[in-house]
Amino acid sequence: MNKYARFGLMILTSTVIMYFMMFVNVNEYDHVQISQTRIYMAVMMGVIMAIIMMGFMWKMYDNKKLNTAILVLSVVLAIGS
């Protein structure tokens, strides 16, 4: 598998898990609803994690232009969410 595809799958999987983890503190099942705020928060956590991971693993990924594009997209999504 391509390194970048694996990176994307890591971020996507973590973001989905973080979204569902936000429901851990719900007292009643009736309170579980799709929430834009929770989606924004999960996206924000995912893109911040992408920025941190890319920062620590920059040298593992050879395509510097793609690395920069991932960082720029992550920052734009963080600001947008």
C-alpha atoms as a PDB file:
ATOM      1  CA  MET A   1       0.000   0.000   0.000  1.00  0.00           C
ATOM      2  CA  ASN A   2       1.169   3.503  -0.800  1.00  0.00           C
ATOM      3  CA  LYS A   3       2.606   5.360   2.219  1.00  0.00           C
ATOM      4  CA  TYR A   4       0.308   8.316   1.639  1.00  0.00           C
ATOM      5  CA  ALA A   5      -2.778   6.106   1.316  1.00  0.00           C
ATOM      6  CA  ARG A   6      -1.861   4.468   4.614  1.00  0.00           C
ATOM      7  CA  PHE A   7      -1.397   7.899   6.199  1.00  0.00           C
ATOM      8  CA  GLY A   8      -4.819   8.968   4.941  1.00  0.00           C
ATOM      9  CA  LEU A   9      -6.442   5.781   6.224  1.00  0.00           C
ATOM     10  CA  MET A  10      -4.832   6.308   9.641  1.00  0.00           C
ATOM     11  CA  ILE A  11      -6.225   9.829   9.850  1.00  0.00           C
ATOM     12  CA  LEU A  12      -9.669   8.809   8.546  1.00  0.00           C
ATOM     13  CA  THR A  13      -9.935   5.834  10.920  1.00  0.00           C
ATOM     14  CA  SER A  14      -8.857   7.923  13.895  1.00  0.00           C
ATOM     15  CA  THR A  15     -11.298  10.710  12.997  1.00  0.00           C
ATOM     16  CA  VAL A  16     -14.235   8.288  12.773  1.00  0.00           C
ATOM     17  CA  ILE A  17     -13.264   6.669  16.072  1.00  0.00           C
ATOM     18  CA  MET A  18     -12.942  10.101  17.724  1.00  0.00           C
ATOM     19  CA  TYR A  19     -16.427  11.019  16.514  1.00  0.00           C
ATOM     20  CA  PHE A  20     -17.949   7.943  18.136  1.00  0.00           C
ATOM     21  CA  MET A  21     -15.840   8.391  21.278  1.00  0.00           C
ATOM     22  CA  MET A  22     -17.640  11.705  21.856  1.00  0.00           C
ATOM     23  CA  PHE A  23     -20.752   9.675  22.673  1.00  0.00           C
ATOM     24  CA  VAL A  24     -19.086   7.794  25.544  1.00  0.00           C
ATOM     25  CA  ASN A  25     -20.351  10.336  28.097  1.00  0.00           C
ATOM     26  CA  VAL A  26     -23.969  10.171  26.924  1.00  0.00           C
ATOM     27  CA  ASN A  27     -26.270   8.991  29.717  1.00  0.00           C
ATOM     28  CA  GLU A  28     -29.201   7.843  27.586  1.00  0.00           C
ATOM     29  CA  TYR A  29     -29.334   6.328  24.133  1.00  0.00           C
ATOM     30  CA  ASP A  30     -32.009   8.876  23.158  1.00  0.00           C
ATOM     31  CA  HIS A  31     -29.388  11.619  23.457  1.00  0.00           C
ATOM     32  CA  VAL A  32     -27.232  10.092  20.707  1.00  0.00           C
ATOM     33  CA  GLN A  33     -27.861  12.175  17.591  1.00  0.00           C
ATOM     34  CA  ILE A  34     -25.862  13.252  14.575  1.00  0.00           C
ATOM     35  CA  SER A  35     -24.475  16.627  15.512  1.00  0.00           C
ATOM     36  CA  GLN A  36     -22.715  19.140  13.277  1.00  0.00           C
ATOM     37  CA  THR A  37     -20.678  20.308  16.243  1.00  0.00           C
ATOM     38  CA  ARG A  38     -19.410  16.793  16.927  1.00  0.00           C
ATOM     39  CA  ILE A  39     -18.582  16.316  13.256  1.00  0.00           C
ATOM     40  CA  TYR A  40     -16.640  19.601  13.223  1.00  0.00           C
ATOM     41  CA  MET A  41     -14.797  18.611  16.394  1.00  0.00           C
ATOM     42  CA  ALA A  42     -13.899  15.172  15.004  1.00  0.00           C
ATOM     43  CA  VAL A  43     -12.631  16.760  11.773  1.00  0.00           C
ATOM     44  CA  MET A  44     -10.649  19.304  13.777  1.00  0.00           C
ATOM     45  CA  MET A  45      -9.055  16.576  15.905  1.00  0.00           C
ATOM     46  CA  GLY A  46      -8.250  14.563  12.770  1.00  0.00           C
ATOM     47  CA  VAL A  47      -6.568  17.432  10.937  1.00  0.00           C
ATOM     48  CA  ILE A  48      -4.611  18.525  14.018  1.00  0.00           C
ATOM     49  CA  MET A  49      -3.444  14.934  14.351  1.00  0.00           C
ATOM     50  CA  ALA A  50      -2.455  14.966  10.650  1.00  0.00           C
ATOM     51  CA  ILE A  51      -0.399  18.139  11.205  1.00  0.00           C
ATOM     52  CA  ILE A  52       1.355  16.661  14.245  1.00  0.00           C
ATOM     53  CA  MET A  53       1.988  13.294  12.586  1.00  0.00           C
ATOM     54  CA  MET A  54       3.302  14.873   9.387  1.00  0.00           C
ATOM     55  CA  GLY A  55       5.545  17.108  11.462  1.00  0.00           C
ATOM     56  CA  PHE A  56       7.079  14.142  13.270  1.00  0.00           C
ATOM     57  CA  MET A  57       7.238  11.858  10.221  1.00  0.00           C
ATOM     58  CA  TRP A  58       8.201  14.420   7.531  1.00  0.00           C
ATOM     59  CA  LYS A  59      11.327  12.498   6.466  1.00  0.00           C
ATOM     60  CA  MET A  60       9.422   9.217   6.119  1.00  0.00           C
ATOM     61  CA  TYR A  61       7.412  10.676   3.237  1.00  0.00           C
ATOM     62  CA  ASP A  62       9.519  11.460   0.158  1.00  0.00           C
ATOM     63  CA  ASN A  63       7.209  13.758  -1.807  1.00  0.00           C
ATOM     64  CA  LYS A  64       7.793  17.163  -0.204  1.00  0.00           C
ATOM     65  CA  LYS A  65       5.157  18.857  -2.379  1.00  0.00           C
ATOM     66  CA  LEU A  66       2.515  16.344  -1.285  1.00  0.00           C
ATOM     67  CA  ASN A  67       3.647  16.730   2.346  1.00  0.00           C
ATOM     68  CA  THR A  68       3.203  20.489   2.063  1.00  0.00           C
ATOM     69  CA  ALA A  69      -0.202  20.036   0.402  1.00  0.00           C
ATOM     70  CA  ILE A  70      -1.318  17.782   3.272  1.00  0.00           C
ATOM     71  CA  LEU A  71      -0.216  20.387   5.808  1.00  0.00           C
ATOM     72  CA  VAL A  72      -1.908  23.257   3.944  1.00  0.00           C
ATOM     73  CA  LEU A  73      -5.145  21.267   3.526  1.00  0.00           C
ATOM     74  CA  SER A  74      -5.034  20.310   7.205  1.00  0.00           C
ATOM     75  CA  VAL A  75      -4.622  23.917   8.289  1.00  0.00           C
ATOM     76  CA  VAL A  76      -7.474  25.037   6.015  1.00  0.00           C
ATOM     77  CA  LEU A  77      -9.754  22.300   7.381  1.00  0.00           C
ATOM     78  CA  ALA A  78      -8.782  23.158  10.976  1.00  0.00           C
ATOM     79  CA  ILE A  79      -9.640  26.818  10.406  1.00  0.00           C
ATOM     80  CA  GLY A  80     -12.848  25.830   8.609  1.00  0.00           C
ATOM     81  CA  SER A  81     -14.040  23.572  11.380  1.00  0.00           C
END
